[in-house]
C-alpha cells in the first residue's frame, strides 16, 4: 500500500520527535541478515528497554535534523 505525502510527513514527524529525545540511535540495514538474526536483534533491543523501528529510506529523517545524534564510523 502506497503512503500519501501527508501520512509520510506524519510518520517522519513522529520518528524525528523520538530521535530528539533519544540518547542513542543505531541506524543500519538488514542486508544479508536472516529472519532469525533480525528476530534476535529485535528481542535484545527490546529486552534492554529500547525501541526498535523500521523505516523506509524514502521517508527517514535526515541526520542534520537530529542534532543530538552524532554520526559514528562503521565498525
PDB file of N, CA and C in Angstrom:
ATOM      1  N   UNK A   1       0.838  -1.170   0.000  1.00  0.00           N
ATOM      2  CA  UNK A   1       0.000   0.000   0.000  1.00  0.00           C
ATOM      3  C   UNK A   1       0.894   1.248   0.000  1.00  0.00           C
ATOM      4  N   UNK A   2       0.676   2.115  -0.918  1.00  0.00           N
ATOM      5  CA  UNK A   2       1.448   3.348  -1.007  1.00  0.00           C
ATOM      6  C   UNK A   2       0.971   4.350   0.038  1.00  0.00           C
ATOM      7  N   UNK A   3       1.921   5.059   0.629  1.00  0.00           N
ATOM      8  CA  UNK A   3       1.587   6.083   1.610  1.00  0.00           C
ATOM      9  C   UNK A   3       1.384   7.420   0.914  1.00  0.00           C
ATOM     10  N   UNK A   4       0.456   8.183   1.427  1.00  0.00           N
ATOM     11  CA  UNK A   4       0.254   9.528   0.899  1.00  0.00           C
ATOM     12  C   UNK A   4       1.337  10.439   1.471  1.00  0.00           C
ATOM     13  N   UNK A   5       1.530  11.570   0.853  1.00  0.00           N
ATOM     14  CA  UNK A   5       2.527  12.525   1.342  1.00  0.00           C
ATOM     15  C   UNK A   5       2.202  12.958   2.779  1.00  0.00           C
ATOM     16  N   UNK A   6       0.946  13.138   3.071  1.00  0.00           N
ATOM     17  CA  UNK A   6       0.536  13.564   4.419  1.00  0.00           C
ATOM     18  C   UNK A   6       0.883  12.504   5.463  1.00  0.00           C
ATOM     19  N   UNK A   7       0.634  11.238   5.144  1.00  0.00           N
ATOM     20  CA  UNK A   7       0.951  10.179   6.108  1.00  0.00           C
ATOM     21  C   UNK A   7       2.457  10.012   6.265  1.00  0.00           C
ATOM     22  N   UNK A   8       3.217  10.202   5.188  1.00  0.00           N
ATOM     23  CA  UNK A   8       4.678  10.145   5.276  1.00  0.00           C
ATOM     24  C   UNK A   8       5.190  11.268   6.170  1.00  0.00           C
ATOM     25  N   UNK A   9       4.624  12.456   5.996  1.00  0.00           N
ATOM     26  CA  UNK A   9       5.042  13.603   6.800  1.00  0.00           C
ATOM     27  C   UNK A   9       4.775  13.348   8.275  1.00  0.00           C
ATOM     28  N   UNK A  10       3.614  12.790   8.582  1.00  0.00           N
ATOM     29  CA  UNK A  10       3.271  12.491   9.973  1.00  0.00           C
ATOM     30  C   UNK A  10       4.239  11.461  10.558  1.00  0.00           C
ATOM     31  N   UNK A  11       4.556  10.413   9.795  1.00  0.00           N
ATOM     32  CA  UNK A  11       5.481   9.391  10.272  1.00  0.00           C
ATOM     33  C   UNK A  11       6.870   9.972  10.512  1.00  0.00           C
ATOM     34  N   UNK A  12       7.311  10.842   9.636  1.00  0.00           N
ATOM     35  CA  UNK A  12       8.616  11.484   9.795  1.00  0.00           C
ATOM     36  C   UNK A  12       8.620  12.347  11.052  1.00  0.00           C
ATOM     37  N   UNK A  13       7.544  13.078  11.298  1.00  0.00           N
ATOM     38  CA  UNK A  13       7.467  13.916  12.483  1.00  0.00           C
ATOM     39  C   UNK A  13       7.523  13.086  13.761  1.00  0.00           C
ATOM     40  N   UNK A  14       6.825  11.958  13.786  1.00  0.00           N
ATOM     41  CA  UNK A  14       6.835  11.080  14.958  1.00  0.00           C
ATOM     42  C   UNK A  14       8.239  10.523  15.175  1.00  0.00           C
ATOM     43  N   UNK A  15       8.874  10.049  14.112  1.00  0.00           N
ATOM     44  CA  UNK A  15      10.214   9.494  14.221  1.00  0.00           C
ATOM     45  C   UNK A  15      11.221  10.566  14.642  1.00  0.00           C
ATOM     46  N   UNK A  16      11.114  11.755  14.076  1.00  0.00           N
ATOM     47  CA  UNK A  16      12.017  12.852  14.440  1.00  0.00           C
ATOM     48  C   UNK A  16      11.868  13.215  15.915  1.00  0.00           C
ATOM     49  N   UNK A  17      10.631  13.213  16.421  1.00  0.00           N
ATOM     50  CA  UNK A  17      10.400  13.525  17.836  1.00  0.00           C
ATOM     51  C   UNK A  17      11.042  12.466  18.728  1.00  0.00           C
ATOM     52  N   UNK A  18      10.921  11.204  18.346  1.00  0.00           N
ATOM     53  CA  UNK A  18      11.563  10.134  19.111  1.00  0.00           C
ATOM     54  C   UNK A  18      13.077  10.298  19.100  1.00  0.00           C
ATOM     55  N   UNK A  19      13.636  10.653  17.959  1.00  0.00           N
ATOM     56  CA  UNK A  19      15.082  10.824  17.860  1.00  0.00           C
ATOM     57  C   UNK A  19      15.575  12.021  18.669  1.00  0.00           C
ATOM     58  N   UNK A  20      14.767  13.069  18.762  1.00  0.00           N
ATOM     59  CA  UNK A  20      15.152  14.252  19.536  1.00  0.00           C
ATOM     60  C   UNK A  20      15.342  13.933  21.010  1.00  0.00           C
ATOM     61  N   UNK A  21      14.560  13.000  21.531  1.00  0.00           N
ATOM     62  CA  UNK A  21      14.648  12.668  22.946  1.00  0.00           C
ATOM     63  C   UNK A  21      15.515  11.435  23.212  1.00  0.00           C
ATOM     64  N   UNK A  22      16.089  10.873  22.175  1.00  0.00           N
ATOM     65  CA  UNK A  22      16.925   9.689  22.326  1.00  0.00           C
ATOM     66  C   UNK A  22      18.369  10.073  22.623  1.00  0.00           C
ATOM     67  N   UNK A  23      19.023   9.248  23.421  1.00  0.00           N
ATOM     68  CA  UNK A  23      20.441   9.455  23.671  1.00  0.00           C
ATOM     69  C   UNK A  23      21.292   8.620  22.721  1.00  0.00           C
ATOM     70  N   UNK A  24      20.711   7.556  22.187  1.00  0.00           N
ATOM     71  CA  UNK A  24      21.429   6.660  21.290  1.00  0.00           C
ATOM     72  C   UNK A  24      20.499   6.186  20.191  1.00  0.00           C
ATOM     73  N   UNK A  25      21.043   6.071  19.003  1.00  0.00           N
ATOM     74  CA  UNK A  25      20.285   5.506  17.887  1.00  0.00           C
ATOM     75  C   UNK A  25      21.233   4.674  17.044  1.00  0.00           C
ATOM     76  N   UNK A  26      20.756   3.547  16.621  1.00  0.00           N
ATOM     77  CA  UNK A  26      21.522   2.686  15.724  1.00  0.00           C
ATOM     78  C   UNK A  26      20.750   2.644  14.422  1.00  0.00           C
ATOM     79  N   UNK A  27      21.360   3.146  13.388  1.00  0.00           N
ATOM     80  CA  UNK A  27      20.705   3.169  12.087  1.00  0.00           C
ATOM     81  C   UNK A  27      21.488   2.245  11.174  1.00  0.00           C
ATOM     82  N   UNK A  28      20.817   1.245  10.672  1.00  0.00           N
ATOM     83  CA  UNK A  28      21.516   0.260   9.862  1.00  0.00           C
ATOM     84  C   UNK A  28      20.646  -0.308   8.774  1.00  0.00           C
ATOM     85  N   UNK A  29      21.124  -1.385   8.221  1.00  0.00           N
ATOM     86  CA  UNK A  29      20.424  -2.042   7.136  1.00  0.00           C
ATOM     87  C   UNK A  29      20.236  -3.522   7.467  1.00  0.00           C
ATOM     88  N   UNK A  30      19.276  -4.115   6.846  1.00  0.00           N
ATOM     89  CA  UNK A  30      19.009  -5.532   7.068  1.00  0.00           C
ATOM     90  C   UNK A  30      19.647  -6.405   5.988  1.00  0.00           C
ATOM     91  N   UNK A  31      20.472  -5.815   5.163  1.00  0.00           N
ATOM     92  CA  UNK A  31      21.105  -6.569   4.082  1.00  0.00           C
ATOM     93  C   UNK A  31      21.886  -7.747   4.659  1.00  0.00           C
ATOM     94  N   UNK A  32      21.670  -8.898   4.091  1.00  0.00           N
ATOM     95  CA  UNK A  32      22.365 -10.142   4.450  1.00  0.00           C
ATOM     96  C   UNK A  32      22.057 -10.641   5.858  1.00  0.00           C
ATOM     97  N   UNK A  33      20.965 -10.159   6.458  1.00  0.00           N
ATOM     98  CA  UNK A  33      20.522 -10.686   7.741  1.00  0.00           C
ATOM     99  C   UNK A  33      19.451 -11.737   7.497  1.00  0.00           C
ATOM    100  N   UNK A  34      19.505 -12.792   8.271  1.00  0.00           N
ATOM    101  CA  UNK A  34      18.453 -13.800   8.180  1.00  0.00           C
ATOM    102  C   UNK A  34      17.273 -13.355   9.046  1.00  0.00           C
ATOM    103  N   UNK A  35      16.163 -13.990   8.860  1.00  0.00           N
ATOM    104  CA  UNK A  35      14.982 -13.685   9.680  1.00  0.00           C
ATOM    105  C   UNK A  35      15.287 -13.977  11.142  1.00  0.00           C
ATOM    106  N   UNK A  36      16.000 -15.058  11.408  1.00  0.00           N
ATOM    107  CA  UNK A  36      16.349 -15.414  12.784  1.00  0.00           C
ATOM    108  C   UNK A  36      17.246 -14.350  13.422  1.00  0.00           C
ATOM    109  N   UNK A  37      18.200 -13.824  12.669  1.00  0.00           N
ATOM    110  CA  UNK A  37      19.085 -12.770  13.181  1.00  0.00           C
ATOM    111  C   UNK A  37      18.292 -11.492  13.459  1.00  0.00           C
ATOM    112  N   UNK A  38      17.377 -11.163  12.562  1.00  0.00           N
ATOM    113  CA  UNK A  38      16.534  -9.991  12.750  1.00  0.00           C
ATOM    114  C   UNK A  38      15.690 -10.150  14.013  1.00  0.00           C
ATOM    115  N   UNK A  39      15.086 -11.297  14.197  1.00  0.00           N
ATOM    116  CA  UNK A  39      14.256 -11.565  15.366  1.00  0.00           C
ATOM    117  C   UNK A  39      15.084 -11.439  16.644  1.00  0.00           C
ATOM    118  N   UNK A  40      16.294 -12.003  16.642  1.00  0.00           N
ATOM    119  CA  UNK A  40      17.155 -11.950  17.818  1.00  0.00           C
ATOM    120  C   UNK A  40      17.572 -10.511  18.137  1.00  0.00           C
ATOM    121  N   UNK A  41      17.887  -9.732  17.115  1.00  0.00           N
ATOM    122  CA  UNK A  41      18.250  -8.335  17.316  1.00  0.00           C
ATOM    123  C   UNK A  41      17.096  -7.559  17.948  1.00  0.00           C
ATOM    124  N   UNK A  42      15.904  -7.747  17.427  1.00  0.00           N
ATOM    125  CA  UNK A  42      14.731  -7.064  17.989  1.00  0.00           C
ATOM    126  C   UNK A  42      14.510  -7.455  19.448  1.00  0.00           C
ATOM    127  N   UNK A  43      14.671  -8.739  19.739  1.00  0.00           N
ATOM    128  CA  UNK A  43      14.472  -9.243  21.095  1.00  0.00           C
ATOM    129  C   UNK A  43      15.494  -8.633  22.066  1.00  0.00           C
ATOM    130  N   UNK A  44      16.751  -8.535  21.650  1.00  0.00           N
ATOM    131  CA  UNK A  44      17.798  -7.974  22.502  1.00  0.00           C
ATOM    132  C   UNK A  44      17.558  -6.486  22.746  1.00  0.00           C
ATOM    133  N   UNK A  45      17.227  -5.752  21.696  1.00  0.00           N
ATOM    134  CA  UNK A  45      16.990  -4.307  21.832  1.00  0.00           C
ATOM    135  C   UNK A  45      15.816  -4.053  22.765  1.00  0.00           C
ATOM    136  N   UNK A  46      14.734  -4.740  22.565  1.00  0.00           N
ATOM    137  CA  UNK A  46      13.555  -4.538  23.415  1.00  0.00           C
ATOM    138  C   UNK A  46      13.798  -5.028  24.839  1.00  0.00           C
ATOM    139  N   UNK A  47      14.574  -6.103  24.984  1.00  0.00           N
ATOM    140  CA  UNK A  47      14.908  -6.611  26.312  1.00  0.00           C
ATOM    141  C   UNK A  47      15.738  -5.623  27.116  1.00  0.00           C
ATOM    142  N   UNK A  48      16.503  -4.779  26.423  1.00  0.00           N
ATOM    143  CA  UNK A  48      17.324  -3.759  27.080  1.00  0.00           C
ATOM    144  C   UNK A  48      16.541  -2.469  27.304  1.00  0.00           C
ATOM    145  N   UNK A  49      15.255  -2.488  26.993  1.00  0.00           N
ATOM    146  CA  UNK A  49      14.415  -1.311  27.210  1.00  0.00           C
ATOM    147  C   UNK A  49      14.393  -0.343  26.042  1.00  0.00           C
ATOM    148  N   UNK A  50      14.927  -0.761  24.907  1.00  0.00           N
ATOM    149  CA  UNK A  50      14.958   0.108  23.737  1.00  0.00           C
ATOM    150  C   UNK A  50      13.744  -0.071  22.849  1.00  0.00           C
ATOM    151  N   UNK A  51      13.659   0.785  21.863  1.00  0.00           N
ATOM    152  CA  UNK A  51      12.598   0.690  20.859  1.00  0.00           C
ATOM    153  C   UNK A  51      13.233   0.308  19.543  1.00  0.00           C
ATOM    154  N   UNK A  52      12.554  -0.506  18.798  1.00  0.00           N
ATOM    155  CA  UNK A  52      13.050  -0.957  17.504  1.00  0.00           C
ATOM    156  C   UNK A  52      12.087  -0.452  16.453  1.00  0.00           C
ATOM    157  N   UNK A  53      12.576   0.376  15.556  1.00  0.00           N
ATOM    158  CA  UNK A  53      11.739   0.935  14.495  1.00  0.00           C
ATOM    159  C   UNK A  53      12.344   0.627  13.140  1.00  0.00           C
ATOM    160  N   UNK A  54      11.492   0.303  12.217  1.00  0.00           N
ATOM    161  CA  UNK A  54      11.916   0.101  10.834  1.00  0.00           C
ATOM    162  C   UNK A  54      11.287   1.200   9.992  1.00  0.00           C
ATOM    163  N   UNK A  55      12.059   1.727   9.073  1.00  0.00           N
ATOM    164  CA  UNK A  55      11.501   2.751   8.194  1.00  0.00           C
ATOM    165  C   UNK A  55      12.115   2.622   6.817  1.00  0.00           C
ATOM    166  N   UNK A  56      11.405   3.113   5.871  1.00  0.00           N
ATOM    167  CA  UNK A  56      11.908   3.140   4.504  1.00  0.00           C
ATOM    168  C   UNK A  56      12.862   4.313   4.370  1.00  0.00           C
ATOM    169  N   UNK A  57      13.884   4.151   3.581  1.00  0.00           N
ATOM    170  CA  UNK A  57      14.842   5.236   3.409  1.00  0.00           C
ATOM    171  C   UNK A  57      14.213   6.436   2.738  1.00  0.00           C
ATOM    172  N   UNK A  58      13.100   6.252   2.050  1.00  0.00           N
ATOM    173  CA  UNK A  58      12.468   7.367   1.346  1.00  0.00           C
ATOM    174  C   UNK A  58      11.793   8.362   2.290  1.00  0.00           C
ATOM    175  N   UNK A  59      11.518   7.963   3.555  1.00  0.00           N
ATOM    176  CA  UNK A  59      10.879   8.922   4.469  1.00  0.00           C
ATOM    177  C   UNK A  59      11.561   9.021   5.820  1.00  0.00           C
ATOM    178  N   UNK A  60      12.777   8.499   5.909  1.00  0.00           N
ATOM    179  CA  UNK A  60      13.545   8.600   7.146  1.00  0.00           C
ATOM    180  C   UNK A  60      14.065  10.038   7.287  1.00  0.00           C
ATOM    181  N   UNK A  61      14.045  10.613   8.498  1.00  0.00           N
ATOM    182  CA  UNK A  61      14.539  11.982   8.651  1.00  0.00           C
ATOM    183  C   UNK A  61      16.029  12.063   8.376  1.00  0.00           C
ATOM    184  N   UNK A  62      16.472  13.173   7.892  1.00  0.00           N
ATOM    185  CA  UNK A  62      17.885  13.392   7.592  1.00  0.00           C
ATOM    186  C   UNK A  62      18.665  13.570   8.894  1.00  0.00           C
ATOM    187  N   UNK A  63      19.911  13.080   8.966  1.00  0.00           N
ATOM    188  CA  UNK A  63      20.705  13.235  10.192  1.00  0.00           C
ATOM    189  C   UNK A  63      20.852  14.682  10.639  1.00  0.00           C
ATOM    190  N   UNK A  64      20.891  15.615   9.707  1.00  0.00           N
ATOM    191  CA  UNK A  64      21.031  17.027  10.071  1.00  0.00           C
ATOM    192  C   UNK A  64      19.838  17.516  10.880  1.00  0.00           C
ATOM    193  N   UNK A  65      18.719  16.846  10.787  1.00  0.00           N
ATOM    194  CA  UNK A  65      17.524  17.246  11.534  1.00  0.00           C
ATOM    195  C   UNK A  65      17.483  16.616  12.912  1.00  0.00           C
ATOM    196  N   UNK A  66      18.459  15.794  13.239  1.00  0.00           N
ATOM    197  CA  UNK A  66      18.552  15.175  14.556  1.00  0.00           C
ATOM    198  C   UNK A  66      19.917  15.539  15.144  1.00  0.00           C
ATOM    199  N   UNK A  67      20.084  16.786  15.599  1.00  0.00           N
ATOM    200  CA  UNK A  67      21.403  17.269  16.012  1.00  0.00           C
ATOM    201  C   UNK A  67      21.999  16.554  17.213  1.00  0.00           C
ATOM    202  N   UNK A  68      21.194  15.925  18.049  1.00  0.00           N
ATOM    203  CA  UNK A  68      21.735  15.244  19.213  1.00  0.00           C
ATOM    204  C   UNK A  68      22.464  13.961  18.843  1.00  0.00           C
ATOM    205  N   UNK A  69      22.213  13.472  17.650  1.00  0.00           N
ATOM    206  CA  UNK A  69      22.846  12.225  17.220  1.00  0.00           C
ATOM    207  C   UNK A  69      24.100  12.547  16.419  1.00  0.00           C
ATOM    208  N   UNK A  70      25.193  11.991  16.827  1.00  0.00           N
ATOM    209  CA  UNK A  70      26.426  12.190  16.090  1.00  0.00           C
ATOM    210  C   UNK A  70      26.696  10.962  15.251  1.00  0.00           C
ATOM    211  N   UNK A  71      27.175  11.147  14.077  1.00  0.00           N
ATOM    212  CA  UNK A  71      27.463  10.044  13.187  1.00  0.00           C
ATOM    213  C   UNK A  71      28.701   9.302  13.672  1.00  0.00           C
ATOM    214  N   UNK A  72      28.602   8.012  13.773  1.00  0.00           N
ATOM    215  CA  UNK A  72      29.717   7.155  14.157  1.00  0.00           C
ATOM    216  C   UNK A  72      30.212   6.431  12.934  1.00  0.00           C
ATOM    217  N   UNK A  73      31.467   6.082  12.947  1.00  0.00           N
ATOM    218  CA  UNK A  73      32.019   5.337  11.813  1.00  0.00           C
ATOM    219  C   UNK A  73      31.528   3.910  11.846  1.00  0.00           C
ATOM    220  N   UNK A  74      31.539   3.277  10.695  1.00  0.00           N
ATOM    221  CA  UNK A  74      31.149   1.867  10.621  1.00  0.00           C
ATOM    222  C   UNK A  74      32.172   1.051  11.385  1.00  0.00           C
ATOM    223  N   UNK A  75      31.679  -0.033  11.950  1.00  0.00           N
ATOM    224  CA  UNK A  75      32.653  -0.883  12.623  1.00  0.00           C
ATOM    225  C   UNK A  75      32.045  -1.898  13.501  1.00  0.00           C
TER     226      UNK A  75
END
